[in-house]
Amino acid sequence: MANHVCHFEIPADDIKALEGFYGNVFGWTFERVPGEFEYHVLKTSEGNLSGGMMLRQDPHQGPVNYVCVESIDEALEKAHAGGATTVVAKSAVPQMGWFAVLHDPQKNPFGLWQEDPNAA
């Protein structure tokens, strides 16, 4: 099903400390993704919404919810036509898919995600 919230990200100043907090409070588990950019996938529970945690990139950076779409290009076009602005341009997560981060017309951040095993 497209156009549903499928992922969320939480920025952290201290990833290990925040993992400890969410792990203790909710029982969430975390796994670091290999690569240069420190990114940790988090599992809320089996079969439910998953998320990610990374180092905060900007002092004003807050959590971002991602909406799964069938076509990121089409969703970007519609979002821009509706007044959204791009924060992070369409980017590949190799062999997984494409993402972009935008601000809606009232400056709320949201992300788009399109699964695509051929993304490079």
PDB file of N, CA and C in Angstrom:
ATOM      1  N   MET A   1       0.847  -1.176   0.000  1.00  0.00           N
ATOM      2  CA  MET A   1       0.000   0.000   0.000  1.00  0.00           C
ATOM      3  C   MET A   1       0.892   1.239   0.000  1.00  0.00           C
ATOM      4  N   ALA A   2       0.603   2.153  -0.875  1.00  0.00           N
ATOM      5  CA  ALA A   2       1.389   3.375  -0.978  1.00  0.00           C
ATOM      6  C   ALA A   2       0.732   4.487  -0.167  1.00  0.00           C
ATOM      7  N   ASN A   3       1.491   5.531   0.044  1.00  0.00           N
ATOM      8  CA  ASN A   3       1.026   6.759   0.693  1.00  0.00           C
ATOM      9  C   ASN A   3       0.650   6.566   2.158  1.00  0.00           C
ATOM     10  N   HIS A   4       1.407   5.739   2.863  1.00  0.00           N
ATOM     11  CA  HIS A   4       1.235   5.586   4.298  1.00  0.00           C
ATOM     12  C   HIS A   4       2.581   5.851   4.975  1.00  0.00           C
ATOM     13  N   VAL A   5       2.557   6.250   6.231  1.00  0.00           N
ATOM     14  CA  VAL A   5       3.806   6.455   6.962  1.00  0.00           C
ATOM     15  C   VAL A   5       4.443   5.085   7.155  1.00  0.00           C
ATOM     16  N   CYS A   6       5.678   4.955   6.678  1.00  0.00           N
ATOM     17  CA  CYS A   6       6.326   3.646   6.691  1.00  0.00           C
ATOM     18  C   CYS A   6       7.659   3.641   7.441  1.00  0.00           C
ATOM     19  N   HIS A   7       8.131   4.813   7.855  1.00  0.00           N
ATOM     20  CA  HIS A   7       9.446   4.887   8.492  1.00  0.00           C
ATOM     21  C   HIS A   7       9.527   6.224   9.216  1.00  0.00           C
ATOM     22  N   PHE A   8      10.308   6.277  10.270  1.00  0.00           N
ATOM     23  CA  PHE A   8      10.564   7.538  10.950  1.00  0.00           C
ATOM     24  C   PHE A   8      12.029   7.591  11.349  1.00  0.00           C
ATOM     25  N   GLU A   9      12.540   8.799  11.520  1.00  0.00           N
ATOM     26  CA  GLU A   9      13.933   8.979  11.937  1.00  0.00           C
ATOM     27  C   GLU A   9      13.983   9.910  13.139  1.00  0.00           C
ATOM     28  N   ILE A  10      14.863   9.557  14.066  1.00  0.00           N
ATOM     29  CA  ILE A  10      15.072  10.367  15.262  1.00  0.00           C
ATOM     30  C   ILE A  10      16.525  10.828  15.256  1.00  0.00           C
ATOM     31  N   PRO A  11      16.770  12.135  15.251  1.00  0.00           N
ATOM     32  CA  PRO A  11      18.149  12.618  15.353  1.00  0.00           C
ATOM     33  C   PRO A  11      18.623  12.529  16.799  1.00  0.00           C
ATOM     34  N   ALA A  12      19.913  12.279  16.978  1.00  0.00           N
ATOM     35  CA  ALA A  12      20.471  12.125  18.321  1.00  0.00           C
ATOM     36  C   ALA A  12      21.781  12.889  18.450  1.00  0.00           C
ATOM     37  N   ASP A  13      21.999  13.462  19.611  1.00  0.00           N
ATOM     38  CA  ASP A  13      23.295  14.056  19.919  1.00  0.00           C
ATOM     39  C   ASP A  13      24.258  12.979  20.394  1.00  0.00           C
ATOM     40  N   ASP A  14      23.744  11.941  21.060  1.00  0.00           N
ATOM     41  CA  ASP A  14      24.517  10.795  21.547  1.00  0.00           C
ATOM     42  C   ASP A  14      23.680   9.556  21.236  1.00  0.00           C
ATOM     43  N   ILE A  15      24.022   8.881  20.153  1.00  0.00           N
ATOM     44  CA  ILE A  15      23.217   7.752  19.684  1.00  0.00           C
ATOM     45  C   ILE A  15      23.107   6.659  20.732  1.00  0.00           C
ATOM     46  N   LYS A  16      24.217   6.246  21.325  1.00  0.00           N
ATOM     47  CA  LYS A  16      24.184   5.156  22.307  1.00  0.00           C
ATOM     48  C   LYS A  16      23.279   5.505  23.485  1.00  0.00           C
ATOM     49  N   ALA A  17      23.363   6.728  23.976  1.00  0.00           N
ATOM     50  CA  ALA A  17      22.523   7.134  25.103  1.00  0.00           C
ATOM     51  C   ALA A  17      21.051   7.099  24.724  1.00  0.00           C
ATOM     52  N   LEU A  18      20.711   7.594  23.528  1.00  0.00           N
ATOM     53  CA  LEU A  18      19.312   7.620  23.113  1.00  0.00           C
ATOM     54  C   LEU A  18      18.793   6.217  22.799  1.00  0.00           C
ATOM     55  N   GLU A  19      19.673   5.357  22.262  1.00  0.00           N
ATOM     56  CA  GLU A  19      19.288   3.959  22.080  1.00  0.00           C
ATOM     57  C   GLU A  19      18.951   3.330  23.426  1.00  0.00           C
ATOM     58  N   GLY A  20      19.767   3.626  24.433  1.00  0.00           N
ATOM     59  CA  GLY A  20      19.508   3.103  25.774  1.00  0.00           C
ATOM     60  C   GLY A  20      18.163   3.566  26.300  1.00  0.00           C
ATOM     61  N   PHE A  21      17.850   4.837  26.089  1.00  0.00           N
ATOM     62  CA  PHE A  21      16.577   5.381  26.539  1.00  0.00           C
ATOM     63  C   PHE A  21      15.411   4.639  25.894  1.00  0.00           C
ATOM     64  N   TYR A  22      15.374   4.601  24.545  1.00  0.00           N
ATOM     65  CA  TYR A  22      14.256   3.970  23.849  1.00  0.00           C
ATOM     66  C   TYR A  22      14.222   2.456  24.061  1.00  0.00           C
ATOM     67  N   GLY A  23      15.401   1.851  24.200  1.00  0.00           N
ATOM     68  CA  GLY A  23      15.454   0.417  24.484  1.00  0.00           C
ATOM     69  C   GLY A  23      14.861   0.096  25.846  1.00  0.00           C
ATOM     70  N   ASN A  24      15.204   0.892  26.855  1.00  0.00           N
ATOM     71  CA  ASN A  24      14.685   0.665  28.209  1.00  0.00           C
ATOM     72  C   ASN A  24      13.208   0.991  28.328  1.00  0.00           C
ATOM     73  N   VAL A  25      12.776   2.087  27.714  1.00  0.00           N
ATOM     74  CA  VAL A  25      11.385   2.513  27.850  1.00  0.00           C
ATOM     75  C   VAL A  25      10.438   1.638  27.030  1.00  0.00           C
ATOM     76  N   PHE A  26      10.802   1.350  25.769  1.00  0.00           N
ATOM     77  CA  PHE A  26       9.885   0.655  24.866  1.00  0.00           C
ATOM     78  C   PHE A  26      10.345  -0.733  24.412  1.00  0.00           C
ATOM     79  N   GLY A  27      11.576  -1.122  24.731  1.00  0.00           N
ATOM     80  CA  GLY A  27      12.085  -2.411  24.287  1.00  0.00           C
ATOM     81  C   GLY A  27      12.519  -2.439  22.838  1.00  0.00           C
ATOM     82  N   TRP A  28      12.718  -1.249  22.235  1.00  0.00           N
ATOM     83  CA  TRP A  28      13.157  -1.190  20.849  1.00  0.00           C
ATOM     84  C   TRP A  28      14.582  -1.719  20.728  1.00  0.00           C
ATOM     85  N   THR A  29      14.899  -2.327  19.578  1.00  0.00           N
ATOM     86  CA  THR A  29      16.250  -2.817  19.316  1.00  0.00           C
ATOM     87  C   THR A  29      16.867  -2.025  18.169  1.00  0.00           C
ATOM     88  N   PHE A  30      18.189  -2.002  18.121  1.00  0.00           N
ATOM     89  CA  PHE A  30      18.917  -1.173  17.169  1.00  0.00           C
ATOM     90  C   PHE A  30      20.027  -1.972  16.511  1.00  0.00           C
ATOM     91  N   GLU A  31      20.290  -1.640  15.243  1.00  0.00           N
ATOM     92  CA  GLU A  31      21.391  -2.266  14.514  1.00  0.00           C
ATOM     93  C   GLU A  31      22.028  -1.229  13.602  1.00  0.00           C
ATOM     94  N   ARG A  32      23.350  -1.072  13.738  1.00  0.00           N
ATOM     95  CA  ARG A  32      24.060  -0.107  12.893  1.00  0.00           C
ATOM     96  C   ARG A  32      24.141  -0.620  11.468  1.00  0.00           C
ATOM     97  N   VAL A  33      23.901   0.275  10.520  1.00  0.00           N
ATOM     98  CA  VAL A  33      24.008  -0.043   9.098  1.00  0.00           C
ATOM     99  C   VAL A  33      25.462   0.180   8.687  1.00  0.00           C
ATOM    100  N   PRO A  34      26.065  -0.769   7.972  1.00  0.00           N
ATOM    101  CA  PRO A  34      27.449  -0.569   7.527  1.00  0.00           C
ATOM    102  C   PRO A  34      27.574   0.655   6.619  1.00  0.00           C
ATOM    103  N   GLY A  35      28.721   1.299   6.669  1.00  0.00           N
ATOM    104  CA  GLY A  35      28.969   2.443   5.797  1.00  0.00           C
ATOM    105  C   GLY A  35      29.576   3.603   6.559  1.00  0.00           C
ATOM    106  N   GLU A  36      29.925   4.631   5.813  1.00  0.00           N
ATOM    107  CA  GLU A  36      30.577   5.800   6.398  1.00  0.00           C
ATOM    108  C   GLU A  36      29.631   6.628   7.255  1.00  0.00           C
ATOM    109  N   PHE A  37      28.370   6.763   6.825  1.00  0.00           N
ATOM    110  CA  PHE A  37      27.395   7.555   7.545  1.00  0.00           C
ATOM    111  C   PHE A  37      26.832   6.707   8.681  1.00  0.00           C
ATOM    112  N   GLU A  38      26.950   7.194   9.902  1.00  0.00           N
ATOM    113  CA  GLU A  38      26.465   6.426  11.049  1.00  0.00           C
ATOM    114  C   GLU A  38      24.941   6.477  11.103  1.00  0.00           C
ATOM    115  N   TYR A  39      24.326   5.337  10.808  1.00  0.00           N
ATOM    116  CA  TYR A  39      22.874   5.224  10.778  1.00  0.00           C
ATOM    117  C   TYR A  39      22.505   3.916  11.461  1.00  0.00           C
ATOM    118  N   HIS A  40      21.551   3.980  12.366  1.00  0.00           N
ATOM    119  CA  HIS A  40      21.114   2.811  13.112  1.00  0.00           C
ATOM    120  C   HIS A  40      19.638   2.563  12.825  1.00  0.00           C
ATOM    121  N   VAL A  41      19.320   1.365  12.338  1.00  0.00           N
ATOM    122  CA  VAL A  41      17.931   0.975  12.114  1.00  0.00           C
ATOM    123  C   VAL A  41      17.367   0.550  13.457  1.00  0.00           C
ATOM    124  N   LEU A  42      16.123   0.971  13.720  1.00  0.00           N
ATOM    125  CA  LEU A  42      15.485   0.547  14.965  1.00  0.00           C
ATOM    126  C   LEU A  42      14.211  -0.212  14.654  1.00  0.00           C
ATOM    127  N   LYS A  43      13.958  -1.230  15.449  1.00  0.00           N
ATOM    128  CA  LYS A  43      12.747  -2.045  15.310  1.00  0.00           C
ATOM    129  C   LYS A  43      11.882  -1.790  16.535  1.00  0.00           C
ATOM    130  N   THR A  44      10.639  -1.370  16.266  1.00  0.00           N
ATOM    131  CA  THR A  44       9.731  -1.125  17.376  1.00  0.00           C
ATOM    132  C   THR A  44       9.162  -2.450  17.880  1.00  0.00           C
ATOM    133  N   SER A  45       8.718  -3.316  17.008  1.00  0.00           N
ATOM    134  CA  SER A  45       8.283  -4.672  17.316  1.00  0.00           C
ATOM    135  C   SER A  45       8.061  -5.390  15.999  1.00  0.00           C
ATOM    136  N   GLU A  46       8.028  -6.690  16.046  1.00  0.00           N
ATOM    137  CA  GLU A  46       7.913  -7.491  14.824  1.00  0.00           C
ATOM    138  C   GLU A  46       6.676  -7.104  14.017  1.00  0.00           C
ATOM    139  N   GLY A  47       6.882  -6.769  12.748  1.00  0.00           N
ATOM    140  CA  GLY A  47       5.787  -6.462  11.849  1.00  0.00           C
ATOM    141  C   GLY A  47       5.239  -5.047  11.960  1.00  0.00           C
ATOM    142  N   ASN A  48       5.775  -4.228  12.840  1.00  0.00           N
ATOM    143  CA  ASN A  48       5.287  -2.863  13.000  1.00  0.00           C
ATOM    144  C   ASN A  48       6.260  -1.863  12.407  1.00  0.00           C
ATOM    145  N   LEU A  49       5.893  -0.619  12.465  1.00  0.00           N
ATOM    146  CA  LEU A  49       6.676   0.484  11.926  1.00  0.00           C
ATOM    147  C   LEU A  49       8.122   0.424  12.409  1.00  0.00           C
ATOM    148  N   SER A  50       9.055   0.637  11.485  1.00  0.00           N
ATOM    149  CA  SER A  50      10.472   0.690  11.852  1.00  0.00           C
ATOM    150  C   SER A  50      10.968   2.116  11.691  1.00  0.00           C
ATOM    151  N   GLY A  51      12.140   2.351  12.207  1.00  0.00           N
ATOM    152  CA  GLY A  51      12.695   3.691  12.119  1.00  0.00           C
ATOM    153  C   GLY A  51      14.196   3.655  12.022  1.00  0.00           C
ATOM    154  N   GLY A  52      14.769   4.831  12.177  1.00  0.00           N
ATOM    155  CA  GLY A  52      16.206   4.970  12.134  1.00  0.00           C
ATOM    156  C   GLY A  52      16.649   6.057  13.092  1.00  0.00           C
ATOM    157  N   MET A  53      17.921   6.003  13.438  1.00  0.00           N
ATOM    158  CA  MET A  53      18.513   7.017  14.305  1.00  0.00           C
ATOM    159  C   MET A  53      19.877   7.362  13.745  1.00  0.00           C
ATOM    160  N   MET A  54      20.173   8.669  13.710  1.00  0.00           N
ATOM    161  CA  MET A  54      21.455   9.125  13.216  1.00  0.00           C
ATOM    162  C   MET A  54      21.873  10.343  14.033  1.00  0.00           C
ATOM    163  N   LEU A  55      23.131  10.730  13.874  1.00  0.00           N
ATOM    164  CA  LEU A  55      23.606  11.926  14.567  1.00  0.00           C
ATOM    165  C   LEU A  55      22.874  13.147  14.031  1.00  0.00           C
ATOM    166  N   ARG A  56      22.510  14.034  14.941  1.00  0.00           N
ATOM    167  CA  ARG A  56      21.823  15.270  14.571  1.00  0.00           C
ATOM    168  C   ARG A  56      22.737  16.084  13.654  1.00  0.00           C
ATOM    169  N   GLN A  57      22.200  16.505  12.511  1.00  0.00           N
ATOM    170  CA  GLN A  57      22.960  17.256  11.513  1.00  0.00           C
ATOM    171  C   GLN A  57      22.853  18.764  11.696  1.00  0.00           C
ATOM    172  N   ASP A  58      21.823  19.209  12.412  1.00  0.00           N
ATOM    173  CA  ASP A  58      21.546  20.628  12.590  1.00  0.00           C
ATOM    174  C   ASP A  58      20.887  20.793  13.962  1.00  0.00           C
ATOM    175  N   PRO A  59      21.196  21.859  14.708  1.00  0.00           N
ATOM    176  CA  PRO A  59      20.610  22.015  16.045  1.00  0.00           C
ATOM    177  C   PRO A  59      19.081  22.048  16.046  1.00  0.00           C
ATOM    178  N   HIS A  60      18.472  22.399  14.933  1.00  0.00           N
ATOM    179  CA  HIS A  60      17.011  22.492  14.857  1.00  0.00           C
ATOM    180  C   HIS A  60      16.375  21.239  14.269  1.00  0.00           C
ATOM    181  N   GLN A  61      17.188  20.241  13.945  1.00  0.00           N
ATOM    182  CA  GLN A  61      16.677  19.023  13.321  1.00  0.00           C
ATOM    183  C   GLN A  61      15.820  18.239  14.308  1.00  0.00           C
ATOM    184  N   GLY A  62      14.621  17.879  13.881  1.00  0.00           N
ATOM    185  CA  GLY A  62      13.718  17.067  14.685  1.00  0.00           C
ATOM    186  C   GLY A  62      13.390  15.775  13.964  1.00  0.00           C
ATOM    187  N   PRO A  63      12.531  14.958  14.547  1.00  0.00           N
ATOM    188  CA  PRO A  63      12.130  13.710  13.907  1.00  0.00           C
ATOM    189  C   PRO A  63      11.449  13.961  12.559  1.00  0.00           C
ATOM    190  N   VAL A  64      11.570  12.982  11.657  1.00  0.00           N
ATOM    191  CA  VAL A  64      10.960  13.058  10.328  1.00  0.00           C
ATOM    192  C   VAL A  64      10.191  11.764  10.079  1.00  0.00           C
ATOM    193  N   ASN A  65       8.959  11.895   9.620  1.00  0.00           N
ATOM    194  CA  ASN A  65       8.154  10.746   9.200  1.00  0.00           C
ATOM    195  C   ASN A  65       8.251  10.613   7.687  1.00  0.00           C
ATOM    196  N   TYR A  66       8.418   9.375   7.216  1.00  0.00           N
ATOM    197  CA  TYR A  66       8.519   9.092   5.780  1.00  0.00           C
ATOM    198  C   TYR A  66       7.241   8.440   5.280  1.00  0.00           C
ATOM    199  N   VAL A  67       6.774   8.897   4.129  1.00  0.00           N
ATOM    200  CA  VAL A  67       5.596   8.347   3.482  1.00  0.00           C
ATOM    201  C   VAL A  67       6.072   7.486   2.309  1.00  0.00           C
ATOM    202  N   CYS A  68       5.613   6.234   2.265  1.00  0.00           N
ATOM    203  CA  CYS A  68       5.947   5.349   1.147  1.00  0.00           C
ATOM    204  C   CYS A  68       5.104   5.738  -0.059  1.00  0.00           C
ATOM    205  N   VAL A  69       5.762   5.888  -1.193  1.00  0.00           N
ATOM    206  CA  VAL A  69       5.077   6.261  -2.431  1.00  0.00           C
ATOM    207  C   VAL A  69       5.472   5.282  -3.535  1.00  0.00           C
ATOM    208  N   GLU A  70       4.624   5.173  -4.533  1.00  0.00           N
ATOM    209  CA  GLU A  70       4.941   4.299  -5.658  1.00  0.00           C
ATOM    210  C   GLU A  70       5.942   4.941  -6.596  1.00  0.00           C
ATOM    211  N   SER A  71       5.877   6.269  -6.742  1.00  0.00           N
ATOM    212  CA  SER A  71       6.808   6.993  -7.612  1.00  0.00           C
ATOM    213  C   SER A  71       7.294   8.244  -6.883  1.00  0.00           C
ATOM    214  N   ILE A  72       8.553   8.248  -6.505  1.00  0.00           N
ATOM    215  CA  ILE A  72       9.075   9.411  -5.797  1.00  0.00           C
ATOM    216  C   ILE A  72       9.087  10.637  -6.708  1.00  0.00           C
ATOM    217  N   ASP A  73       9.348  10.441  -7.992  1.00  0.00           N
ATOM    218  CA  ASP A  73       9.365  11.579  -8.912  1.00  0.00           C
ATOM    219  C   ASP A  73       7.981  12.221  -9.013  1.00  0.00           C
ATOM    220  N   GLU A  74       6.948  11.395  -9.113  1.00  0.00           N
ATOM    221  CA  GLU A  74       5.590  11.915  -9.185  1.00  0.00           C
ATOM    222  C   GLU A  74       5.200  12.607  -7.869  1.00  0.00           C
ATOM    223  N   ALA A  75       5.561  12.007  -6.747  1.00  0.00           N
ATOM    224  CA  ALA A  75       5.237  12.602  -5.446  1.00  0.00           C
ATOM    225  C   ALA A  75       5.970  13.928  -5.257  1.00  0.00           C
ATOM    226  N   LEU A  76       7.232  13.999  -5.689  1.00  0.00           N
ATOM    227  CA  LEU A  76       7.985  15.259  -5.599  1.00  0.00           C
ATOM    228  C   LEU A  76       7.315  16.342  -6.442  1.00  0.00           C
ATOM    229  N   GLU A  77       6.901  15.970  -7.646  1.00  0.00           N
ATOM    230  CA  GLU A  77       6.247  16.934  -8.532  1.00  0.00           C
ATOM    231  C   GLU A  77       4.965  17.479  -7.891  1.00  0.00           C
ATOM    232  N   LYS A  78       4.150  16.594  -7.343  1.00  0.00           N
ATOM    233  CA  LYS A  78       2.902  17.008  -6.690  1.00  0.00           C
ATOM    234  C   LYS A  78       3.180  17.861  -5.456  1.00  0.00           C
ATOM    235  N   ALA A  79       4.171  17.455  -4.664  1.00  0.00           N
ATOM    236  CA  ALA A  79       4.501  18.200  -3.444  1.00  0.00           C
ATOM    237  C   ALA A  79       4.990  19.603  -3.780  1.00  0.00           C
ATOM    238  N   HIS A  80       5.857  19.718  -4.764  1.00  0.00           N
ATOM    239  CA  HIS A  80       6.356  21.035  -5.170  1.00  0.00           C
ATOM    240  C   HIS A  80       5.228  21.901  -5.722  1.00  0.00           C
ATOM    241  N   ALA A  81       4.338  21.300  -6.511  1.00  0.00           N
ATOM    242  CA  ALA A  81       3.206  22.050  -7.053  1.00  0.00           C
ATOM    243  C   ALA A  81       2.296  22.563  -5.936  1.00  0.00           C
ATOM    244  N   GLY A  82       2.266  21.834  -4.817  1.00  0.00           N
ATOM    245  CA  GLY A  82       1.448  22.236  -3.681  1.00  0.00           C
ATOM    246  C   GLY A  82       2.131  23.188  -2.725  1.00  0.00           C
ATOM    247  N   GLY A  83       3.384  23.549  -3.026  1.00  0.00           N
ATOM    248  CA  GLY A  83       4.084  24.525  -2.198  1.00  0.00           C
ATOM    249  C   GLY A  83       5.185  23.968  -1.316  1.00  0.00           C
ATOM    250  N   ALA A  84       5.499  22.682  -1.420  1.00  0.00           N
ATOM    251  CA  ALA A  84       6.597  22.102  -0.637  1.00  0.00           C
ATOM    252  C   ALA A  84       7.938  22.552  -1.187  1.00  0.00           C
ATOM    253  N   THR A  85       8.939  22.563  -0.323  1.00  0.00           N
ATOM    254  CA  THR A  85      10.310  22.878  -0.732  1.00  0.00           C
ATOM    255  C   THR A  85      11.218  21.711  -0.351  1.00  0.00           C
ATOM    256  N   THR A  86      12.254  21.511  -1.141  1.00  0.00           N
ATOM    257  CA  THR A  86      13.176  20.405  -0.925  1.00  0.00           C
ATOM    258  C   THR A  86      14.216  20.758   0.128  1.00  0.00           C
ATOM    259  N   VAL A  87      14.408  19.841   1.064  1.00  0.00           N
ATOM    260  CA  VAL A  87      15.455  19.956   2.076  1.00  0.00           C
ATOM    261  C   VAL A  87      16.621  19.047   1.687  1.00  0.00           C
ATOM    262  N   VAL A  88      16.307  17.794   1.329  1.00  0.00           N
ATOM    263  CA  VAL A  88      17.291  16.828   0.829  1.00  0.00           C
ATOM    264  C   VAL A  88      16.735  16.297  -0.485  1.00  0.00           C
ATOM    265  N   ALA A  89      17.459  16.511  -1.574  1.00  0.00           N
ATOM    266  CA  ALA A  89      17.020  16.079  -2.906  1.00  0.00           C
ATOM    267  C   ALA A  89      16.931  14.556  -2.984  1.00  0.00           C
ATOM    268  N   LYS A  90      16.214  14.082  -3.969  1.00  0.00           N
ATOM    269  CA  LYS A  90      16.094  12.644  -4.209  1.00  0.00           C
ATOM    270  C   LYS A  90      17.481  12.011  -4.179  1.00  0.00           C
ATOM    271  N   SER A  91      17.619  10.998  -3.341  1.00  0.00           N
ATOM    272  CA  SER A  91      18.907  10.330  -3.152  1.00  0.00           C
ATOM    273  C   SER A  91      18.678   8.829  -3.084  1.00  0.00           C
ATOM    274  N   ALA A  92      19.673   8.080  -3.517  1.00  0.00           N
ATOM    275  CA  ALA A  92      19.583   6.616  -3.508  1.00  0.00           C
ATOM    276  C   ALA A  92      20.114   6.049  -2.201  1.00  0.00           C
ATOM    277  N   VAL A  93      19.464   5.000  -1.745  1.00  0.00           N
ATOM    278  CA  VAL A  93      20.015   4.097  -0.743  1.00  0.00           C
ATOM    279  C   VAL A  93      20.257   2.821  -1.541  1.00  0.00           C
ATOM    280  N   PRO A  94      21.523   2.542  -1.928  1.00  0.00           N
ATOM    281  CA  PRO A  94      21.816   1.464  -2.878  1.00  0.00           C
ATOM    282  C   PRO A  94      21.117   0.147  -2.545  1.00  0.00           C
ATOM    283  N   GLN A  95      20.540  -0.438  -3.574  1.00  0.00           N
ATOM    284  CA  GLN A  95      19.813  -1.700  -3.545  1.00  0.00           C
ATOM    285  C   GLN A  95      18.593  -1.691  -2.627  1.00  0.00           C
ATOM    286  N   MET A  96      18.176  -0.516  -2.142  1.00  0.00           N
ATOM    287  CA  MET A  96      16.997  -0.448  -1.270  1.00  0.00           C
ATOM    288  C   MET A  96      15.917   0.471  -1.844  1.00  0.00           C
ATOM    289  N   GLY A  97      16.298   1.697  -2.221  1.00  0.00           N
ATOM    290  CA  GLY A  97      15.297   2.606  -2.734  1.00  0.00           C
ATOM    291  C   GLY A  97      15.768   4.042  -2.786  1.00  0.00           C
ATOM    292  N   TRP A  98      14.797   4.940  -2.889  1.00  0.00           N
ATOM    293  CA  TRP A  98      15.049   6.373  -3.033  1.00  0.00           C
ATOM    294  C   TRP A  98      14.355   7.131  -1.912  1.00  0.00           C
ATOM    295  N   PHE A  99      14.967   8.221  -1.459  1.00  0.00           N
ATOM    296  CA  PHE A  99      14.324   9.059  -0.467  1.00  0.00           C
ATOM    297  C   PHE A  99      14.552  10.519  -0.790  1.00  0.00           C
ATOM    298  N   ALA A 100      13.718  11.358  -0.229  1.00  0.00           N
ATOM    299  CA  ALA A 100      13.873  12.808  -0.288  1.00  0.00           C
ATOM    300  C   ALA A 100      13.222  13.359   0.977  1.00  0.00           C
ATOM    301  N   VAL A 101      13.686  14.528   1.411  1.00  0.00           N
ATOM    302  CA  VAL A 101      13.091  15.199   2.571  1.00  0.00           C
ATOM    303  C   VAL A 101      12.641  16.579   2.116  1.00  0.00           C
ATOM    304  N   LEU A 102      11.440  16.952   2.514  1.00  0.00           N
ATOM    305  CA  LEU A 102      10.858  18.225   2.108  1.00  0.00           C
ATOM    306  C   LEU A 102      10.305  18.965   3.321  1.00  0.00           C
ATOM    307  N   HIS A 103       9.973  20.218   3.113  1.00  0.00           N
ATOM    308  CA  HIS A 103       9.159  20.985   4.056  1.00  0.00           C
ATOM    309  C   HIS A 103       7.820  21.206   3.389  1.00  0.00           C
ATOM    310  N   ASP A 104       6.739  20.976   4.147  1.00  0.00           N
ATOM    311  CA  ASP A 104       5.424  21.302   3.602  1.00  0.00           C
ATOM    312  C   ASP A 104       5.281  22.826   3.580  1.00  0.00           C
ATOM    313  N   PRO A 105       4.194  23.373   3.058  1.00  0.00           N
ATOM    314  CA  PRO A 105       4.055  24.831   2.960  1.00  0.00           C
ATOM    315  C   PRO A 105       4.136  25.575   4.295  1.00  0.00           C
ATOM    316  N   GLN A 106       3.986  24.851   5.432  1.00  0.00           N
ATOM    317  CA  GLN A 106       4.082  25.501   6.734  1.00  0.00           C
ATOM    318  C   GLN A 106       5.370  25.120   7.466  1.00  0.00           C
ATOM    319  N   LYS A 107       6.361  24.643   6.700  1.00  0.00           N
ATOM    320  CA  LYS A 107       7.716  24.355   7.172  1.00  0.00           C
ATOM    321  C   LYS A 107       7.845  23.116   8.053  1.00  0.00           C
ATOM    322  N   ASN A 108       6.885  22.189   7.977  1.00  0.00           N
ATOM    323  CA  ASN A 108       6.989  20.919   8.688  1.00  0.00           C
ATOM    324  C   ASN A 108       7.765  19.934   7.823  1.00  0.00           C
ATOM    325  N   PRO A 109       8.769  19.263   8.378  1.00  0.00           N
ATOM    326  CA  PRO A 109       9.521  18.307   7.563  1.00  0.00           C
ATOM    327  C   PRO A 109       8.755  17.004   7.374  1.00  0.00           C
ATOM    328  N   PHE A 110       8.930  16.401   6.197  1.00  0.00           N
ATOM    329  CA  PHE A 110       8.429  15.059   5.936  1.00  0.00           C
ATOM    330  C   PHE A 110       9.315  14.434   4.873  1.00  0.00           C
ATOM    331  N   GLY A 111       9.335  13.118   4.853  1.00  0.00           N
ATOM    332  CA  GLY A 111      10.151  12.413   3.882  1.00  0.00           C
ATOM    333  C   GLY A 111       9.300  11.589   2.934  1.00  0.00           C
ATOM    334  N   LEU A 112       9.891  11.273   1.798  1.00  0.00           N
ATOM    335  CA  LEU A 112       9.288  10.372   0.821  1.00  0.00           C
ATOM    336  C   LEU A 112      10.212   9.173   0.673  1.00  0.00           C
ATOM    337  N   TRP A 113       9.643   7.991   0.506  1.00  0.00           N
ATOM    338  CA  TRP A 113      10.418   6.776   0.310  1.00  0.00           C
ATOM    339  C   TRP A 113       9.775   5.948  -0.783  1.00  0.00           C
ATOM    340  N   GLN A 114      10.618   5.513  -1.748  1.00  0.00           N
ATOM    341  CA  GLN A 114      10.184   4.593  -2.799  1.00  0.00           C
ATOM    342  C   GLN A 114      11.110   3.403  -2.779  1.00  0.00           C
ATOM    343  N   GLU A 115      10.545   2.217  -2.566  1.00  0.00           N
ATOM    344  CA  GLU A 115      11.367   1.009  -2.622  1.00  0.00           C
ATOM    345  C   GLU A 115      11.802   0.770  -4.061  1.00  0.00           C
ATOM    346  N   ASP A 116      13.075   0.399  -4.237  1.00  0.00           N
ATOM    347  CA  ASP A 116      13.606   0.105  -5.558  1.00  0.00           C
ATOM    348  C   ASP A 116      14.916  -0.643  -5.387  1.00  0.00           C
ATOM    349  N   PRO A 117      14.911  -1.972  -5.549  1.00  0.00           N
ATOM    350  CA  PRO A 117      16.146  -2.742  -5.352  1.00  0.00           C
ATOM    351  C   PRO A 117      17.240  -2.398  -6.381  1.00  0.00           C
ATOM    352  N   ASN A 118      16.882  -1.642  -7.431  1.00  0.00           N
ATOM    353  CA  ASN A 118      17.861  -1.245  -8.446  1.00  0.00           C
ATOM    354  C   ASN A 118      18.441   0.139  -8.194  1.00  0.00           C
ATOM    355  N   ALA A 119      18.054   0.776  -7.102  1.00  0.00           N
ATOM    356  CA  ALA A 119      18.573   2.131  -6.801  1.00  0.00           C
ATOM    357  C   ALA A 119      20.083   2.065  -6.630  1.00  0.00           C
ATOM    358  N   ALA A 120      20.740   3.077  -7.183  1.00  0.00           N
ATOM    359  CA  ALA A 120      22.206   3.127  -7.086  1.00  0.00           C
ATOM    360  C   ALA A 120      22.663   4.565  -6.933  1.00  0.00           C
TER     361      ALA A 120
END
